[in-house]
Amino acid sequence: MEPTDVINELALRLFAALTATGRTIVSKLQDEDGQTLAEYGLIMAIIAVAVVLAAGVAFRGAIIGAFGAATNCESKNFSGNLSVNC
């Protein structure tokens, strides 16, 4: 499976989950009983975690590259070559 296929699959699942969550929130807001603030907070926390995970997957290559560059820079500086600008 290609990396773009994984990202597309994740984006589609995230969209479906957010759409279902949005529909649930709208139906609960229209309900006379309503929901407690804690339950809405929990829904928002779940959405936030999903967004963070999706961003981690989407930017995985850039994150790995940045940490790799920082590691290489530090290893060059610790080897005695203090003139290295990273």
N, C-alpha and C. Protein backbone atom coordinates (compact mmCIF):
# COMPACT_ATOMS: atom_id res chain seq x y z
N MET A 1 0.84 -1.17 0.00
CA MET A 1 0.00 0.00 0.00
C MET A 1 0.89 1.24 0.00
N GLU A 2 0.63 2.16 -0.87
CA GLU A 2 1.41 3.38 -1.00
C GLU A 2 1.14 4.33 0.17
N PRO A 3 2.11 5.17 0.54
CA PRO A 3 1.89 6.13 1.63
C PRO A 3 0.71 7.07 1.35
N THR A 4 0.54 7.45 0.09
CA THR A 4 -0.59 8.34 -0.22
C THR A 4 -1.92 7.62 -0.02
N ASP A 5 -1.94 6.30 -0.29
CA ASP A 5 -3.16 5.55 -0.06
C ASP A 5 -3.51 5.50 1.43
N VAL A 6 -2.48 5.37 2.25
CA VAL A 6 -2.69 5.33 3.70
C VAL A 6 -3.24 6.68 4.18
N ILE A 7 -2.64 7.76 3.68
CA ILE A 7 -3.09 9.10 4.07
C ILE A 7 -4.52 9.34 3.60
N ASN A 8 -4.82 8.94 2.37
CA ASN A 8 -6.18 9.12 1.85
C ASN A 8 -7.19 8.31 2.66
N GLU A 9 -6.81 7.07 3.00
CA GLU A 9 -7.70 6.23 3.81
C GLU A 9 -7.94 6.85 5.17
N LEU A 10 -6.88 7.35 5.80
CA LEU A 10 -7.01 7.98 7.11
C LEU A 10 -7.87 9.24 7.03
N ALA A 11 -7.64 10.04 6.01
CA ALA A 11 -8.42 11.26 5.84
C ALA A 11 -9.90 10.94 5.65
N LEU A 12 -10.19 9.91 4.87
CA LEU A 12 -11.58 9.52 4.64
C LEU A 12 -12.23 9.02 5.92
N ARG A 13 -11.49 8.22 6.70
CA ARG A 13 -12.04 7.73 7.97
C ARG A 13 -12.25 8.88 8.96
N LEU A 14 -11.30 9.81 8.99
CA LEU A 14 -11.44 10.97 9.88
C LEU A 14 -12.65 11.81 9.48
N PHE A 15 -12.82 12.03 8.18
CA PHE A 15 -13.97 12.79 7.70
C PHE A 15 -15.27 12.10 8.08
N ALA A 16 -15.33 10.79 7.90
CA ALA A 16 -16.55 10.04 8.23
C ALA A 16 -16.84 10.12 9.73
N ALA A 17 -15.78 10.01 10.55
CA ALA A 17 -15.98 10.09 12.00
C ALA A 17 -16.44 11.47 12.42
N LEU A 18 -15.82 12.51 11.85
CA LEU A 18 -16.22 13.87 12.21
C LEU A 18 -17.63 14.18 11.73
N THR A 19 -18.01 13.67 10.57
CA THR A 19 -19.36 13.87 10.07
C THR A 19 -20.38 13.21 11.00
N ALA A 20 -20.08 11.98 11.40
CA ALA A 20 -20.99 11.27 12.31
C ALA A 20 -21.07 11.98 13.65
N THR A 21 -19.92 12.47 14.14
CA THR A 21 -19.91 13.19 15.41
C THR A 21 -20.70 14.49 15.30
N GLY A 22 -20.54 15.18 14.18
CA GLY A 22 -21.30 16.42 13.96
C GLY A 22 -22.80 16.17 13.94
N ARG A 23 -23.19 15.10 13.29
CA ARG A 23 -24.62 14.76 13.25
C ARG A 23 -25.14 14.43 14.64
N THR A 24 -24.33 13.73 15.41
CA THR A 24 -24.72 13.38 16.77
C THR A 24 -24.89 14.63 17.62
N ILE A 25 -23.94 15.56 17.49
CA ILE A 25 -24.02 16.80 18.27
C ILE A 25 -25.25 17.60 17.89
N VAL A 26 -25.52 17.71 16.60
CA VAL A 26 -26.70 18.46 16.14
C VAL A 26 -27.98 17.81 16.65
N SER A 27 -28.05 16.48 16.58
CA SER A 27 -29.27 15.82 17.05
C SER A 27 -29.43 15.97 18.56
N LYS A 28 -28.32 15.97 19.29
CA LYS A 28 -28.40 16.15 20.75
C LYS A 28 -28.76 17.58 21.12
N LEU A 29 -28.30 18.54 20.32
CA LEU A 29 -28.66 19.93 20.60
C LEU A 29 -30.14 20.17 20.37
N GLN A 30 -30.72 19.43 19.43
CA GLN A 30 -32.14 19.59 19.14
C GLN A 30 -33.00 18.82 20.15
N ASP A 31 -32.39 17.90 20.86
CA ASP A 31 -33.10 17.12 21.87
C ASP A 31 -33.40 18.02 23.07
N GLU A 32 -34.59 17.89 23.64
CA GLU A 32 -34.97 18.75 24.76
C GLU A 32 -34.18 18.43 26.02
N ASP A 33 -33.77 17.17 26.18
CA ASP A 33 -33.02 16.79 27.37
C ASP A 33 -31.61 17.38 27.35
N GLY A 34 -31.00 17.45 26.16
CA GLY A 34 -29.66 18.01 26.03
C GLY A 34 -28.60 17.08 26.58
N GLN A 35 -27.38 17.57 26.59
CA GLN A 35 -26.24 16.81 27.08
C GLN A 35 -25.48 17.67 28.08
N THR A 36 -24.69 17.01 28.90
CA THR A 36 -23.91 17.77 29.87
C THR A 36 -22.66 18.32 29.22
N LEU A 37 -22.10 19.32 29.85
CA LEU A 37 -20.89 19.95 29.34
C LEU A 37 -19.73 18.96 29.30
N ALA A 38 -19.68 18.05 30.24
CA ALA A 38 -18.60 17.06 30.27
C ALA A 38 -18.64 16.16 29.05
N GLU A 39 -19.82 15.79 28.61
CA GLU A 39 -19.94 14.93 27.44
C GLU A 39 -19.49 15.66 26.18
N TYR A 40 -19.83 16.93 26.05
CA TYR A 40 -19.37 17.71 24.91
C TYR A 40 -17.85 17.88 24.97
N GLY A 41 -17.33 18.06 26.16
CA GLY A 41 -15.88 18.16 26.31
C GLY A 41 -15.18 16.88 25.89
N LEU A 42 -15.77 15.74 26.21
CA LEU A 42 -15.21 14.46 25.82
C LEU A 42 -15.23 14.30 24.30
N ILE A 43 -16.30 14.69 23.67
CA ILE A 43 -16.39 14.63 22.21
C ILE A 43 -15.32 15.51 21.58
N MET A 44 -15.14 16.71 22.10
CA MET A 44 -14.12 17.62 21.56
C MET A 44 -12.72 17.05 21.78
N ALA A 45 -12.49 16.39 22.91
CA ALA A 45 -11.18 15.79 23.18
C ALA A 45 -10.90 14.66 22.18
N ILE A 46 -11.90 13.87 21.88
CA ILE A 46 -11.73 12.79 20.91
C ILE A 46 -11.42 13.35 19.52
N ILE A 47 -12.12 14.41 19.15
CA ILE A 47 -11.86 15.06 17.86
C ILE A 47 -10.44 15.62 17.83
N ALA A 48 -10.01 16.25 18.92
CA ALA A 48 -8.66 16.81 18.98
C ALA A 48 -7.60 15.73 18.84
N VAL A 49 -7.80 14.60 19.51
CA VAL A 49 -6.84 13.49 19.41
C VAL A 49 -6.80 12.96 17.97
N ALA A 50 -7.96 12.84 17.35
CA ALA A 50 -8.01 12.37 15.96
C ALA A 50 -7.28 13.31 15.02
N VAL A 51 -7.43 14.61 15.23
CA VAL A 51 -6.75 15.60 14.38
C VAL A 51 -5.24 15.52 14.59
N VAL A 52 -4.79 15.38 15.84
CA VAL A 52 -3.36 15.28 16.13
C VAL A 52 -2.78 14.02 15.49
N LEU A 53 -3.49 12.90 15.60
CA LEU A 53 -3.02 11.66 14.99
C LEU A 53 -2.97 11.77 13.47
N ALA A 54 -3.98 12.39 12.88
CA ALA A 54 -3.99 12.57 11.42
C ALA A 54 -2.83 13.45 10.98
N ALA A 55 -2.55 14.51 11.74
CA ALA A 55 -1.42 15.39 11.40
C ALA A 55 -0.10 14.63 11.54
N GLY A 56 0.01 13.79 12.56
CA GLY A 56 1.22 13.00 12.73
C GLY A 56 1.45 12.05 11.57
N VAL A 57 0.38 11.45 11.07
CA VAL A 57 0.50 10.55 9.92
C VAL A 57 0.80 11.35 8.66
N ALA A 58 0.12 12.47 8.49
CA ALA A 58 0.30 13.27 7.28
C ALA A 58 1.70 13.86 7.18
N PHE A 59 2.26 14.27 8.31
CA PHE A 59 3.57 14.91 8.31
C PHE A 59 4.67 14.00 8.83
N ARG A 60 4.45 12.69 8.76
CA ARG A 60 5.39 11.72 9.30
C ARG A 60 6.78 11.88 8.70
N GLY A 61 6.86 11.99 7.39
CA GLY A 61 8.16 12.13 6.73
C GLY A 61 8.90 13.38 7.15
N ALA A 62 8.19 14.49 7.26
CA ALA A 62 8.82 15.74 7.67
C ALA A 62 9.30 15.67 9.11
N ILE A 63 8.54 15.03 9.97
CA ILE A 63 8.93 14.90 11.38
C ILE A 63 10.18 14.04 11.50
N ILE A 64 10.18 12.91 10.80
CA ILE A 64 11.35 12.02 10.84
C ILE A 64 12.57 12.73 10.27
N GLY A 65 12.39 13.47 9.18
CA GLY A 65 13.50 14.21 8.58
C GLY A 65 14.06 15.27 9.51
N ALA A 66 13.20 15.97 10.21
CA ALA A 66 13.65 17.02 11.12
C ALA A 66 14.43 16.43 12.29
N PHE A 67 13.94 15.34 12.86
CA PHE A 67 14.66 14.72 13.96
C PHE A 67 15.98 14.10 13.47
N GLY A 68 15.96 13.56 12.26
CA GLY A 68 17.19 13.00 11.70
C GLY A 68 18.24 14.07 11.47
N ALA A 69 17.81 15.22 10.95
CA ALA A 69 18.75 16.32 10.72
C ALA A 69 19.31 16.84 12.04
N ALA A 70 18.47 16.95 13.05
CA ALA A 70 18.93 17.43 14.35
C ALA A 70 19.92 16.43 14.97
N THR A 71 19.65 15.14 14.81
CA THR A 71 20.55 14.12 15.34
C THR A 71 21.90 14.16 14.63
N ASN A 72 21.87 14.30 13.31
CA ASN A 72 23.12 14.39 12.55
C ASN A 72 23.92 15.62 12.94
N CYS A 73 23.24 16.72 13.14
CA CYS A 73 23.91 17.96 13.52
C CYS A 73 24.57 17.81 14.88
N GLU A 74 23.86 17.23 15.82
CA GLU A 74 24.41 17.05 17.16
C GLU A 74 25.59 16.09 17.15
N SER A 75 25.49 15.03 16.37
CA SER A 75 26.60 14.07 16.33
C SER A 75 27.84 14.70 15.70
N LYS A 76 27.67 15.60 14.73
CA LYS A 76 28.81 16.30 14.13
C LYS A 76 29.44 17.26 15.14
N ASN A 77 28.60 17.96 15.91
CA ASN A 77 29.12 18.90 16.89
C ASN A 77 29.83 18.19 18.03
N PHE A 78 29.35 17.03 18.43
CA PHE A 78 29.98 16.30 19.53
C PHE A 78 31.25 15.59 19.09
N SER A 79 31.46 15.44 17.78
CA SER A 79 32.66 14.78 17.32
C SER A 79 33.87 15.72 17.31
N GLY A 80 33.71 16.94 17.74
CA GLY A 80 34.81 17.88 17.84
C GLY A 80 34.80 18.95 16.77
N ASN A 81 33.92 18.85 15.81
CA ASN A 81 33.85 19.83 14.73
C ASN A 81 32.83 20.89 15.13
N LEU A 82 33.27 21.85 15.93
CA LEU A 82 32.35 22.85 16.49
C LEU A 82 31.97 23.94 15.49
N SER A 83 32.57 23.93 14.31
CA SER A 83 32.28 24.96 13.32
C SER A 83 31.10 24.60 12.44
N VAL A 84 30.45 23.50 12.71
CA VAL A 84 29.33 23.05 11.88
C VAL A 84 28.11 23.88 12.22
N ASN A 85 27.51 24.51 11.21
CA ASN A 85 26.24 25.23 11.38
C ASN A 85 25.14 24.36 10.78
N CYS A 86 24.19 24.02 11.59
CA CYS A 86 23.12 23.13 11.12
C CYS A 86 21.85 23.88 10.85
